C-alpha atoms as a PDB file:
ATOM      1  CA  MET A   1     127.328  87.044 112.880  1.00  0.00           C
ATOM      2  CA  PRO A   2     126.989  87.124 116.718  1.00  0.00           C
ATOM      3  CA  VAL A   3     123.977  85.511 118.317  1.00  0.00           C
ATOM      4  CA  SER A   4     121.399  87.767 119.940  1.00  0.00           C
ATOM      5  CA  ASN A   5     119.900  86.672 123.237  1.00  0.00           C
ATOM      6  CA  THR A   6     117.824  89.830 123.453  1.00  0.00           C
ATOM      7  CA  LYS A   7     114.096  89.230 123.153  1.00  0.00           C
ATOM      8  CA  LYS A   8     113.021  92.841 122.880  1.00  0.00           C
ATOM      9  CA  ILE A   9     112.881  94.380 119.408  1.00  0.00           C
ATOM     10  CA  ARG A  10     115.000  97.537 119.381  1.00  0.00           C
ATOM     11  CA  LYS A  11     115.830  98.450 115.769  1.00  0.00           C
ATOM     12  CA  ALA A  12     113.780 100.159 113.084  1.00  0.00           C
ATOM     13  CA  ILE A  13     115.036 100.154 109.491  1.00  0.00           C
ATOM     14  CA  ILE A  14     113.648 103.025 107.426  1.00  0.00           C
ATOM     15  CA  PRO A  15     114.575 102.923 103.708  1.00  0.00           C
ATOM     16  CA  ILE A  16     114.706 106.454 102.265  1.00  0.00           C
ATOM     17  CA  ALA A  17     117.080 106.069  99.312  1.00  0.00           C
ATOM     18  CA  GLY A  18     114.463 106.611  96.594  1.00  0.00           C
ATOM     19  CA  LYS A  19     114.608 109.620  94.316  1.00  0.00           C
ATOM     20  CA  GLY A  20     111.075 110.878  95.003  1.00  0.00           C
ATOM     21  CA  THR A  21     110.335 111.509  91.332  1.00  0.00           C
ATOM     22  CA  ARG A  22     106.615 112.030  91.952  1.00  0.00           C
ATOM     23  CA  PHE A  23     107.492 115.219  93.829  1.00  0.00           C
ATOM     24  CA  LEU A  24     109.845 116.730  91.250  1.00  0.00           C
ATOM     25  CA  PRO A  25     111.005 119.417  90.883  1.00  0.00           C
ATOM     26  CA  ALA A  26     110.972 119.934  94.685  1.00  0.00           C
ATOM     27  CA  THR A  27     112.909 116.705  95.254  1.00  0.00           C
ATOM     28  CA  LYS A  28     115.710 117.964  93.021  1.00  0.00           C
ATOM     29  CA  VAL A  29     116.945 119.922  96.052  1.00  0.00           C
ATOM     30  CA  ILE A  30     115.233 118.384  99.112  1.00  0.00           C
ATOM     31  CA  PRO A  31     114.476 114.779 100.050  1.00  0.00           C
ATOM     32  CA  LYS A  32     110.843 113.813  99.747  1.00  0.00           C
ATOM     33  CA  GLU A  33     110.879 112.649 103.360  1.00  0.00           C
ATOM     34  CA  VAL A  34     111.421 116.171 104.714  1.00  0.00           C
ATOM     35  CA  ILE A  35     108.507 117.668 102.807  1.00  0.00           C
ATOM     36  CA  PRO A  36     106.291 118.839 105.676  1.00  0.00           C
ATOM     37  CA  ILE A  37     102.834 117.804 106.708  1.00  0.00           C
ATOM     38  CA  ILE A  38     101.937 121.386 107.676  1.00  0.00           C
ATOM     39  CA  ASN A  39     105.145 122.245 109.596  1.00  0.00           C
ATOM     40  CA  ILE A  40     106.583 118.827 110.465  1.00  0.00           C
ATOM     41  CA  PRO A  41     108.499 116.643 107.968  1.00  0.00           C
ATOM     42  CA  MET A  42     106.628 113.480 107.065  1.00  0.00           C
ATOM     43  CA  ILE A  43     109.586 111.341 108.181  1.00  0.00           C
ATOM     44  CA  TYR A  44     109.106 112.585 111.746  1.00  0.00           C
ATOM     45  CA  TYR A  45     105.789 110.764 111.992  1.00  0.00           C
ATOM     46  CA  VAL A  46     107.362 107.506 110.781  1.00  0.00           C
ATOM     47  CA  VAL A  47     110.163 107.785 113.336  1.00  0.00           C
ATOM     48  CA  MET A  48     107.679 108.664 116.093  1.00  0.00           C
ATOM     49  CA  GLU A  49     105.620 105.580 115.233  1.00  0.00           C
ATOM     50  CA  ALA A  50     108.734 103.477 115.831  1.00  0.00           C
ATOM     51  CA  VAL A  51     109.731 105.297 119.017  1.00  0.00           C
ATOM     52  CA  GLU A  52     106.232 105.172 120.518  1.00  0.00           C
ATOM     53  CA  ALA A  53     106.210 101.419 119.851  1.00  0.00           C
ATOM     54  CA  GLY A  54     109.338 101.064 121.994  1.00  0.00           C
ATOM     55  CA  LEU A  55     112.064 101.065 119.329  1.00  0.00           C
ATOM     56  CA  ASP A  56     115.083 103.189 120.218  1.00  0.00           C
ATOM     57  CA  GLN A  57     117.518 102.572 117.344  1.00  0.00           C
ATOM     58  CA  ILE A  58     116.618 104.104 113.986  1.00  0.00           C
ATOM     59  CA  ILE A  59     118.644 103.073 110.932  1.00  0.00           C
ATOM     60  CA  PHE A  60     118.052 105.071 107.755  1.00  0.00           C
ATOM     61  CA  VAL A  61     119.013 103.330 104.520  1.00  0.00           C
ATOM     62  CA  THR A  62     119.893 106.395 102.518  1.00  0.00           C
ATOM     63  CA  SER A  63     121.579 107.643  99.363  1.00  0.00           C
ATOM     64  CA  LYS A  64     123.435 110.677  98.062  1.00  0.00           C
ATOM     65  CA  GLY A  65     121.599 113.935  98.647  1.00  0.00           C
ATOM     66  CA  LYS A  66     119.553 112.723 101.617  1.00  0.00           C
ATOM     67  CA  ASN A  67     121.604 114.319 104.394  1.00  0.00           C
ATOM     68  CA  ALA A  68     118.719 116.595 105.342  1.00  0.00           C
ATOM     69  CA  VAL A  69     116.801 113.646 106.814  1.00  0.00           C
ATOM     70  CA  ALA A  70     119.460 112.770 109.385  1.00  0.00           C
ATOM     71  CA  ASP A  71     120.187 116.474 109.908  1.00  0.00           C
ATOM     72  CA  PHE A  72     116.595 117.030 111.010  1.00  0.00           C
ATOM     73  CA  PHE A  73     117.177 114.642 113.919  1.00  0.00           C
ATOM     74  CA  ASP A  74     120.525 116.201 114.850  1.00  0.00           C
ATOM     75  CA  ARG A  75     121.365 119.188 117.076  1.00  0.00           C
ATOM     76  CA  HIS A  76     121.316 122.672 115.531  1.00  0.00           C
ATOM     77  CA  LEU A  77     123.296 124.735 118.032  1.00  0.00           C
ATOM     78  CA  GLU A  78     123.068 128.002 116.111  1.00  0.00           C
ATOM     79  CA  LEU A  79     119.289 127.800 115.914  1.00  0.00           C
ATOM     80  CA  GLU A  80     119.040 126.731 119.552  1.00  0.00           C
ATOM     81  CA  THR A  81     121.122 129.724 120.626  1.00  0.00           C
ATOM     82  CA  PHE A  82     118.956 132.054 118.543  1.00  0.00           C
ATOM     83  CA  LEU A  83     115.728 130.719 120.064  1.00  0.00           C
ATOM     84  CA  GLU A  84     117.201 130.828 123.559  1.00  0.00           C
ATOM     85  CA  LYS A  85     118.173 134.496 123.176  1.00  0.00           C
ATOM     86  CA  LYS A  86     114.753 135.234 121.727  1.00  0.00           C
ATOM     87  CA  GLY A  87     113.073 133.574 124.695  1.00  0.00           C
ATOM     88  CA  ASP A  88     111.115 131.188 122.481  1.00  0.00           C
ATOM     89  CA  LYS A  89     111.073 128.300 124.934  1.00  0.00           C
ATOM     90  CA  ASN A  90     108.386 126.261 123.178  1.00  0.00           C
ATOM     91  CA  ARG A  91     110.209 126.024 119.859  1.00  0.00           C
ATOM     92  CA  LEU A  92     113.530 125.537 121.615  1.00  0.00           C
ATOM     93  CA  GLU A  93     112.178 122.552 123.530  1.00  0.00           C
ATOM     94  CA  LEU A  94     110.633 121.161 120.335  1.00  0.00           C
ATOM     95  CA  ILE A  95     113.843 121.101 118.305  1.00  0.00           C
ATOM     96  CA  ARG A  96     115.893 119.809 121.234  1.00  0.00           C
ATOM     97  CA  ALA A  97     113.398 116.994 121.777  1.00  0.00           C
ATOM     98  CA  THR A  98     113.623 116.098 118.076  1.00  0.00           C
ATOM     99  CA  ALA A  99     117.392 115.669 118.400  1.00  0.00           C
ATOM    100  CA  GLU A 100     116.967 113.362 121.397  1.00  0.00           C
ATOM    101  CA  ILE A 101     114.181 111.211 120.020  1.00  0.00           C
ATOM    102  CA  ALA A 102     116.305 108.084 119.416  1.00  0.00           C
ATOM    103  CA  ARG A 103     119.720 106.832 118.397  1.00  0.00           C
ATOM    104  CA  ILE A 104     120.007 107.591 114.679  1.00  0.00           C
ATOM    105  CA  MET A 105     122.301 105.756 112.260  1.00  0.00           C
ATOM    106  CA  THR A 106     122.625 105.842 108.480  1.00  0.00           C
ATOM    107  CA  VAL A 107     123.638 103.192 105.952  1.00  0.00           C
ATOM    108  CA  THR A 108     124.212 104.109 102.316  1.00  0.00           C
ATOM    109  CA  GLN A 109     122.522 102.201  99.508  1.00  0.00           C
ATOM    110  CA  LYS A 110     124.813 103.044  96.589  1.00  0.00           C
ATOM    111  CA  GLU A 111     122.397 101.657  93.987  1.00  0.00           C
ATOM    112  CA  GLN A 112     118.627 101.756  94.301  1.00  0.00           C
ATOM    113  CA  LEU A 113     117.763  98.177  93.354  1.00  0.00           C
ATOM    114  CA  GLY A 114     114.559  97.658  95.287  1.00  0.00           C
ATOM    115  CA  LEU A 115     113.321  97.271  98.839  1.00  0.00           C
ATOM    116  CA  GLY A 116     114.912  93.848  99.239  1.00  0.00           C
ATOM    117  CA  HIS A 117     118.267  95.294  98.234  1.00  0.00           C
ATOM    118  CA  ALA A 118     117.823  98.212 100.657  1.00  0.00           C
ATOM    119  CA  ILE A 119     117.177  95.914 103.607  1.00  0.00           C
ATOM    120  CA  ALA A 120     120.135  93.715 102.669  1.00  0.00           C
ATOM    121  CA  GLN A 121     122.405  96.717 103.317  1.00  0.00           C
ATOM    122  CA  VAL A 122     121.829  96.514 107.098  1.00  0.00           C
ATOM    123  CA  GLU A 123     122.721  92.840 107.560  1.00  0.00           C
ATOM    124  CA  GLU A 124     125.910  93.609 109.488  1.00  0.00           C
ATOM    125  CA  LEU A 125     123.919  95.637 112.026  1.00  0.00           C
ATOM    126  CA  ILE A 126     121.485  92.821 112.816  1.00  0.00           C
ATOM    127  CA  GLU A 127     122.481  89.934 115.054  1.00  0.00           C
ATOM    128  CA  GLU A 128     121.649  86.285 114.436  1.00  0.00           C
ATOM    129  CA  ASN A 129     118.055  85.443 115.379  1.00  0.00           C
ATOM    130  CA  GLU A 130     117.389  89.112 116.109  1.00  0.00           C
ATOM    131  CA  ARG A 131     114.061  90.589 115.096  1.00  0.00           C
ATOM    132  CA  PHE A 132     113.905  94.071 113.620  1.00  0.00           C
ATOM    133  CA  CYS A 133     111.262  96.343 112.124  1.00  0.00           C
ATOM    134  CA  VAL A 134     111.015  97.926 108.693  1.00  0.00           C
ATOM    135  CA  LEU A 135     108.930 101.055 108.125  1.00  0.00           C
ATOM    136  CA  LEU A 136     108.716 102.691 104.721  1.00  0.00           C
ATOM    137  CA  GLY A 137     109.490 106.378 104.965  1.00  0.00           C
ATOM    138  CA  ASP A 138     106.662 107.616 102.747  1.00  0.00           C
ATOM    139  CA  ASP A 139     103.802 105.698 104.369  1.00  0.00           C
ATOM    140  CA  LEU A 140     102.218 107.260 107.439  1.00  0.00           C
ATOM    141  CA  ILE A 141     100.222 104.950 109.681  1.00  0.00           C
ATOM    142  CA  ILE A 142      98.393 106.538 112.580  1.00  0.00           C
ATOM    143  CA  GLY A 143      97.458 103.574 114.773  1.00  0.00           C
ATOM    144  CA  LYS A 144      94.462 103.290 117.034  1.00  0.00           C
ATOM    145  CA  ASN A 145      95.460 102.824 120.693  1.00  0.00           C
ATOM    146  CA  ARG A 146      98.855 101.387 119.659  1.00  0.00           C
ATOM    147  CA  PRO A 147     101.283 102.458 116.885  1.00  0.00           C
ATOM    148  CA  GLY A 148     100.918 100.443 113.704  1.00  0.00           C
ATOM    149  CA  ILE A 149     104.352  98.827 113.944  1.00  0.00           C
ATOM    150  CA  GLY A 150     103.715  98.160 117.642  1.00  0.00           C
ATOM    151  CA  GLN A 151     100.641  96.118 116.736  1.00  0.00           C
ATOM    152  CA  LEU A 152     102.836  93.911 114.532  1.00  0.00           C
ATOM    153  CA  MET A 153     105.427  93.579 117.287  1.00  0.00           C
ATOM    154  CA  ASP A 154     102.679  92.320 119.605  1.00  0.00           C
ATOM    155  CA  ILE A 155     101.643  89.695 117.063  1.00  0.00           C
ATOM    156  CA  SER A 156     105.265  88.605 116.654  1.00  0.00           C
ATOM    157  CA  ASP A 157     105.534  88.145 120.417  1.00  0.00           C
ATOM    158  CA  LYS A 158     102.224  86.290 120.502  1.00  0.00           C
ATOM    159  CA  TYR A 159     103.221  83.814 117.800  1.00  0.00           C
ATOM    160  CA  ASP A 160     106.628  82.625 118.982  1.00  0.00           C
ATOM    161  CA  ARG A 161     108.650  85.650 117.785  1.00  0.00           C
ATOM    162  CA  SER A 162     107.706  84.982 114.163  1.00  0.00           C
ATOM    163  CA  SER A 163     108.021  87.473 111.329  1.00  0.00           C
ATOM    164  CA  VAL A 164     104.926  89.585 110.656  1.00  0.00           C
ATOM    165  CA  ILE A 165     103.885  92.020 107.948  1.00  0.00           C
ATOM    166  CA  GLY A 166     101.195  94.637 108.248  1.00  0.00           C
ATOM    167  CA  VAL A 167      98.359  94.416 105.740  1.00  0.00           C
ATOM    168  CA  MET A 168      95.236  96.320 104.833  1.00  0.00           C
ATOM    169  CA  GLU A 169      92.290  95.409 102.645  1.00  0.00           C
ATOM    170  CA  VAL A 170      92.319  97.298  99.335  1.00  0.00           C
ATOM    171  CA  PRO A 171      89.875  97.436  96.406  1.00  0.00           C
ATOM    172  CA  ILE A 172      90.527  94.742  93.824  1.00  0.00           C
ATOM    173  CA  ASP A 173      91.344  97.428  91.243  1.00  0.00           C
ATOM    174  CA  GLU A 174      94.272  98.573  93.404  1.00  0.00           C
ATOM    175  CA  VAL A 175      96.024  95.273  94.138  1.00  0.00           C
ATOM    176  CA  HIS A 176      98.479  95.936  91.307  1.00  0.00           C
ATOM    177  CA  LYS A 177     100.077  98.658  93.454  1.00  0.00           C
ATOM    178  CA  TYR A 178     101.108  96.375  96.321  1.00  0.00           C
ATOM    179  CA  GLY A 179     102.551  93.110  97.522  1.00  0.00           C
ATOM    180  CA  VAL A 180      99.507  90.885  98.159  1.00  0.00           C
ATOM    181  CA  ILE A 181      99.388  87.907 100.507  1.00  0.00           C
ATOM    182  CA  LYS A 182      97.987  84.438 100.192  1.00  0.00           C
ATOM    183  CA  GLY A 183      97.169  82.920 103.549  1.00  0.00           C
ATOM    184  CA  THR A 184      94.688  81.428 105.969  1.00  0.00           C
ATOM    185  CA  PRO A 185      93.085  83.180 108.959  1.00  0.00           C
ATOM    186  CA  VAL A 186      94.385  82.181 112.363  1.00  0.00           C
ATOM    187  CA  SER A 187      91.732  80.482 114.478  1.00  0.00           C
ATOM    188  CA  GLY A 188      90.252  82.940 116.948  1.00  0.00           C
ATOM    189  CA  ASP A 189      92.101  85.900 115.439  1.00  0.00           C
ATOM    190  CA  ALA A 190      90.302  87.167 112.342  1.00  0.00           C
ATOM    191  CA  ARG A 191      92.762  90.006 111.741  1.00  0.00           C
ATOM    192  CA  THR A 192      95.784  87.690 111.560  1.00  0.00           C
ATOM    193  CA  HIS A 193      96.659  85.310 108.724  1.00  0.00           C
ATOM    194  CA  LYS A 194      99.376  82.727 108.372  1.00  0.00           C
ATOM    195  CA  ILE A 195     101.084  83.433 105.068  1.00  0.00           C
ATOM    196  CA  THR A 196     101.483  80.663 102.514  1.00  0.00           C
ATOM    197  CA  GLY A 197     102.651  82.908  99.692  1.00  0.00           C
ATOM    198  CA  MET A 198     102.940  86.449  98.429  1.00  0.00           C
ATOM    199  CA  VAL A 199     102.766  88.144  95.032  1.00  0.00           C
ATOM    200  CA  GLU A 200     104.292  91.511  94.120  1.00  0.00           C
ATOM    201  CA  LYS A 201     101.935  93.845  92.235  1.00  0.00           C
ATOM    202  CA  PRO A 202      99.657  91.187  90.743  1.00  0.00           C
ATOM    203  CA  LYS A 203      97.038  91.749  88.092  1.00  0.00           C
ATOM    204  CA  LYS A 204      93.608  91.777  89.696  1.00  0.00           C
ATOM    205  CA  GLU A 205      92.661  88.451  88.114  1.00  0.00           C
ATOM    206  CA  GLU A 206      95.821  86.893  89.576  1.00  0.00           C
ATOM    207  CA  ALA A 207      95.690  88.423  93.059  1.00  0.00           C
ATOM    208  CA  PRO A 208      95.489  85.748  95.794  1.00  0.00           C
ATOM    209  CA  SER A 209      93.583  88.145  98.095  1.00  0.00           C
ATOM    210  CA  ARG A 210      92.844  91.815  98.695  1.00  0.00           C
ATOM    211  CA  LEU A 211      95.193  91.969 101.675  1.00  0.00           C
ATOM    212  CA  ALA A 212      98.087  94.217 100.699  1.00  0.00           C
ATOM    213  CA  THR A 213     101.092  95.533 102.574  1.00  0.00           C
ATOM    214  CA  PRO A 214     101.633  99.299 102.789  1.00  0.00           C
ATOM    215  CA  GLY A 215     105.135  99.005 104.221  1.00  0.00           C
ATOM    216  CA  ARG A 216     105.328  97.745 107.807  1.00  0.00           C
ATOM    217  CA  TYR A 217     107.272  94.604 108.722  1.00  0.00           C
ATOM    218  CA  VAL A 218     108.696  92.745 111.698  1.00  0.00           C
ATOM    219  CA  LEU A 219     111.408  90.454 110.353  1.00  0.00           C
ATOM    220  CA  ASN A 220     113.757  87.840 111.722  1.00  0.00           C
ATOM    221  CA  SER A 221     117.398  87.954 110.660  1.00  0.00           C
ATOM    222  CA  LYS A 222     116.754  84.779 108.636  1.00  0.00           C
ATOM    223  CA  ILE A 223     115.343  87.065 105.942  1.00  0.00           C
ATOM    224  CA  PHE A 224     118.911  87.882 104.858  1.00  0.00           C
ATOM    225  CA  ASP A 225     119.468  84.277 103.787  1.00  0.00           C
ATOM    226  CA  TYR A 226     116.540  84.578 101.386  1.00  0.00           C
ATOM    227  CA  LEU A 227     117.462  88.053 100.156  1.00  0.00           C
ATOM    228  CA  LYS A 228     120.763  86.560  98.978  1.00  0.00           C
ATOM    229  CA  LYS A 229     118.993  83.852  96.973  1.00  0.00           C
ATOM    230  CA  ILE A 230     116.309  85.778  95.109  1.00  0.00           C
ATOM    231  CA  PRO A 231     116.856  87.008  91.532  1.00  0.00           C
ATOM    232  CA  ARG A 232     115.698  90.386  90.349  1.00  0.00           C
ATOM    233  CA  GLY A 233     111.920  90.452  90.207  1.00  0.00           C
ATOM    234  CA  ALA A 234     109.224  92.987  89.308  1.00  0.00           C
ATOM    235  CA  GLY A 235     110.694  96.155  87.825  1.00  0.00           C
ATOM    236  CA  GLY A 236     114.140  94.575  87.595  1.00  0.00           C
ATOM    237  CA  GLU A 237     114.584  95.045  91.356  1.00  0.00           C
ATOM    238  CA  TYR A 238     115.263  92.752  94.304  1.00  0.00           C
ATOM    239  CA  GLN A 239     111.822  92.502  95.855  1.00  0.00           C
ATOM    240  CA  LEU A 240     111.365  91.927  99.561  1.00  0.00           C
ATOM    241  CA  THR A 241     108.106  90.233  98.624  1.00  0.00           C
ATOM    242  CA  ASP A 242     110.011  87.486  96.795  1.00  0.00           C
ATOM    243  CA  ALA A 243     112.208  86.814  99.839  1.00  0.00           C
ATOM    244  CA  ILE A 244     109.151  86.722 102.115  1.00  0.00           C
ATOM    245  CA  ASN A 245     107.462  84.310  99.737  1.00  0.00           C
ATOM    246  CA  GLU A 246     110.427  81.937  99.950  1.00  0.00           C
ATOM    247  CA  MET A 247     110.888  82.304 103.692  1.00  0.00           C
ATOM    248  CA  ALA A 248     107.201  81.624 104.373  1.00  0.00           C
ATOM    249  CA  GLN A 249     107.610  78.160 102.823  1.00  0.00           C
ATOM    250  CA  GLN A 250     110.023  77.140 105.582  1.00  0.00           C
ATOM    251  CA  HIS A 251     109.278  79.353 108.595  1.00  0.00           C
ATOM    252  CA  PRO A 252     106.043  80.567 110.210  1.00  0.00           C
ATOM    253  CA  PHE A 253     105.215  83.966 108.768  1.00  0.00           C
ATOM    254  CA  TYR A 254     102.151  86.034 109.654  1.00  0.00           C
ATOM    255  CA  ALA A 255     100.213  88.976 108.266  1.00  0.00           C
ATOM    256  CA  HIS A 256      98.159  91.230 110.510  1.00  0.00           C
ATOM    257  CA  GLN A 257      95.525  93.812 109.609  1.00  0.00           C
ATOM    258  CA  PHE A 258      96.599  96.782 111.688  1.00  0.00           C
ATOM    259  CA  GLU A 259      94.049  99.186 113.088  1.00  0.00           C
ATOM    260  CA  GLY A 260      94.549 102.811 112.124  1.00  0.00           C
ATOM    261  CA  ASP A 261      94.646 105.322 109.292  1.00  0.00           C
ATOM    262  CA  ARG A 262      97.191 105.040 106.503  1.00  0.00           C
ATOM    263  CA  PHE A 263      98.360 107.827 104.216  1.00  0.00           C
ATOM    264  CA  ASP A 264     100.443 107.125 101.121  1.00  0.00           C
ATOM    265  CA  THR A 265     102.506 110.305 101.249  1.00  0.00           C
ATOM    266  CA  GLY A 266     104.708 109.034  98.446  1.00  0.00           C
ATOM    267  CA  GLN A 267     101.872 110.050  96.117  1.00  0.00           C
ATOM    268  CA  PRO A 268     100.716 113.682  95.723  1.00  0.00           C
ATOM    269  CA  VAL A 269      97.063 112.830  96.377  1.00  0.00           C
ATOM    270  CA  GLY A 270      97.919 110.766  99.469  1.00  0.00           C
ATOM    271  CA  TYR A 271     100.151 113.585 100.673  1.00  0.00           C
ATOM    272  CA  LEU A 272      97.339 116.127 100.271  1.00  0.00           C
ATOM    273  CA  GLU A 273      94.953 113.797 102.088  1.00  0.00           C
ATOM    274  CA  ALA A 274      97.387 113.667 105.018  1.00  0.00           C
ATOM    275  CA  VAL A 275      97.717 117.468 105.096  1.00  0.00           C
ATOM    276  CA  VAL A 276      93.941 117.902 105.162  1.00  0.00           C
ATOM    277  CA  ASP A 277      93.451 115.234 107.823  1.00  0.00           C
ATOM    278  CA  PHE A 278      96.187 116.590 110.081  1.00  0.00           C
ATOM    279  CA  ALA A 279      94.939 120.171 109.704  1.00  0.00           C
ATOM    280  CA  LEU A 280      91.393 119.179 110.623  1.00  0.00           C
ATOM    281  CA  LYS A 281      92.686 117.394 113.727  1.00  0.00           C
ATOM    282  CA  ASP A 282      94.891 120.305 114.834  1.00  0.00           C
ATOM    283  CA  HIS A 283      92.938 122.253 117.451  1.00  0.00           C
ATOM    284  CA  GLU A 284      94.815 125.469 116.640  1.00  0.00           C
ATOM    285  CA  LEU A 285      94.359 125.240 112.860  1.00  0.00           C
ATOM    286  CA  ARG A 286      91.042 123.474 112.475  1.00  0.00           C
ATOM    287  CA  GLU A 287      88.626 126.412 112.507  1.00  0.00           C
ATOM    288  CA  ASP A 288      90.755 128.633 110.267  1.00  0.00           C
ATOM    289  CA  PHE A 289      91.370 125.748 107.894  1.00  0.00           C
ATOM    290  CA  ILE A 290      87.650 125.036 107.595  1.00  0.00           C
ATOM    291  CA  LYS A 291      87.090 128.711 106.776  1.00  0.00           C
ATOM    292  CA  VAL A 292      89.671 128.447 104.008  1.00  0.00           C
ATOM    293  CA  LEU A 293      87.916 125.377 102.626  1.00  0.00           C
ATOM    294  CA  GLN A 294      84.550 127.111 102.783  1.00  0.00           C
ATOM    295  CA  LYS A 295      85.976 130.068 100.905  1.00  0.00           C
ATOM    296  CA  ARG A 296      87.753 128.042  98.240  1.00  0.00           C
ATOM    297  CA  LEU A 297      85.325 125.143  97.978  1.00  0.00           C
ATOM    298  CA  PRO A 298      81.771 126.327  98.638  1.00  0.00           C
ATOM    299  CA  LEU A 299      80.406 122.809  98.835  1.00  0.00           C
ATOM    300  CA  ASN A 300      77.236 121.783 100.610  1.00  0.00           C
ATOM    301  CA  GLY A 301      77.986 120.251 103.948  1.00  0.00           C
ATOM    302  CA  ILE A 302      81.570 121.486 104.293  1.00  0.00           C
ATOM    303  CA  HIS A 303      80.534 123.305 107.462  1.00  0.00           C
ATOM    304  CA  LYS A 304      79.874 119.922 109.017  1.00  0.00           C
ATOM    305  CA  LEU A 305      83.555 118.924 108.996  1.00  0.00           C
END
């Protein structure tokens, strides 16, 4: 493995190999990640978070039947010609810009054996001592002032290029859905913790904290050493959480509470929440959408949205 002398983080790993069973039967024929939030596939927002944070190499860890994700970020000459002849400059510019958003690569995960296994597939693309980002493809994080993953990159730079995971505080009854950290707050930085351990999907009585990760990481290439050592964990899968737990015993590892809104679009309710939120923030759709809500849901106070 060659040694990287580059300090800037350039690569974003986005695992999308899952089957999307919560969205069946739609995901029988289309990847979950291209299901739209109004008219834009959810994966676009994840990629844009990476690009706006300064990352310019996107690596999808994919599986059979997921070609539509990479295709969305590729040129579509027939459609471009049609729009050009039609004189639809706005849509033409939009789809051309999508194809030029970043350098896109794909790596196939032949078996879906967990997030740790998915990340292990990209080892050959990461140089020694290189930092890279991981963004889960069905979690949307709309950061305040700075993209969510960018906030973690800043913390990594601040603390000697260490690995960092994004966390959020969740109700104690929901800790069983996430990887949960054990750590101590950094002096003078209440939103950042130094990790001493991590537990994957703990029972609430066993949870070390209420700080859970929704799927944003800045990792050093050392993580691959630990991914090779861990056995199968929760759900019979190779859990990234287990590798982080081991790595944190020997290397500084931080967790940071990002600022922003998070939508779990891998769940139908979280997906619907994102659609509603995005529609209410769209200046062209907002008023009509509120009228639809008023018509369908005649609730007191809905006019105040």
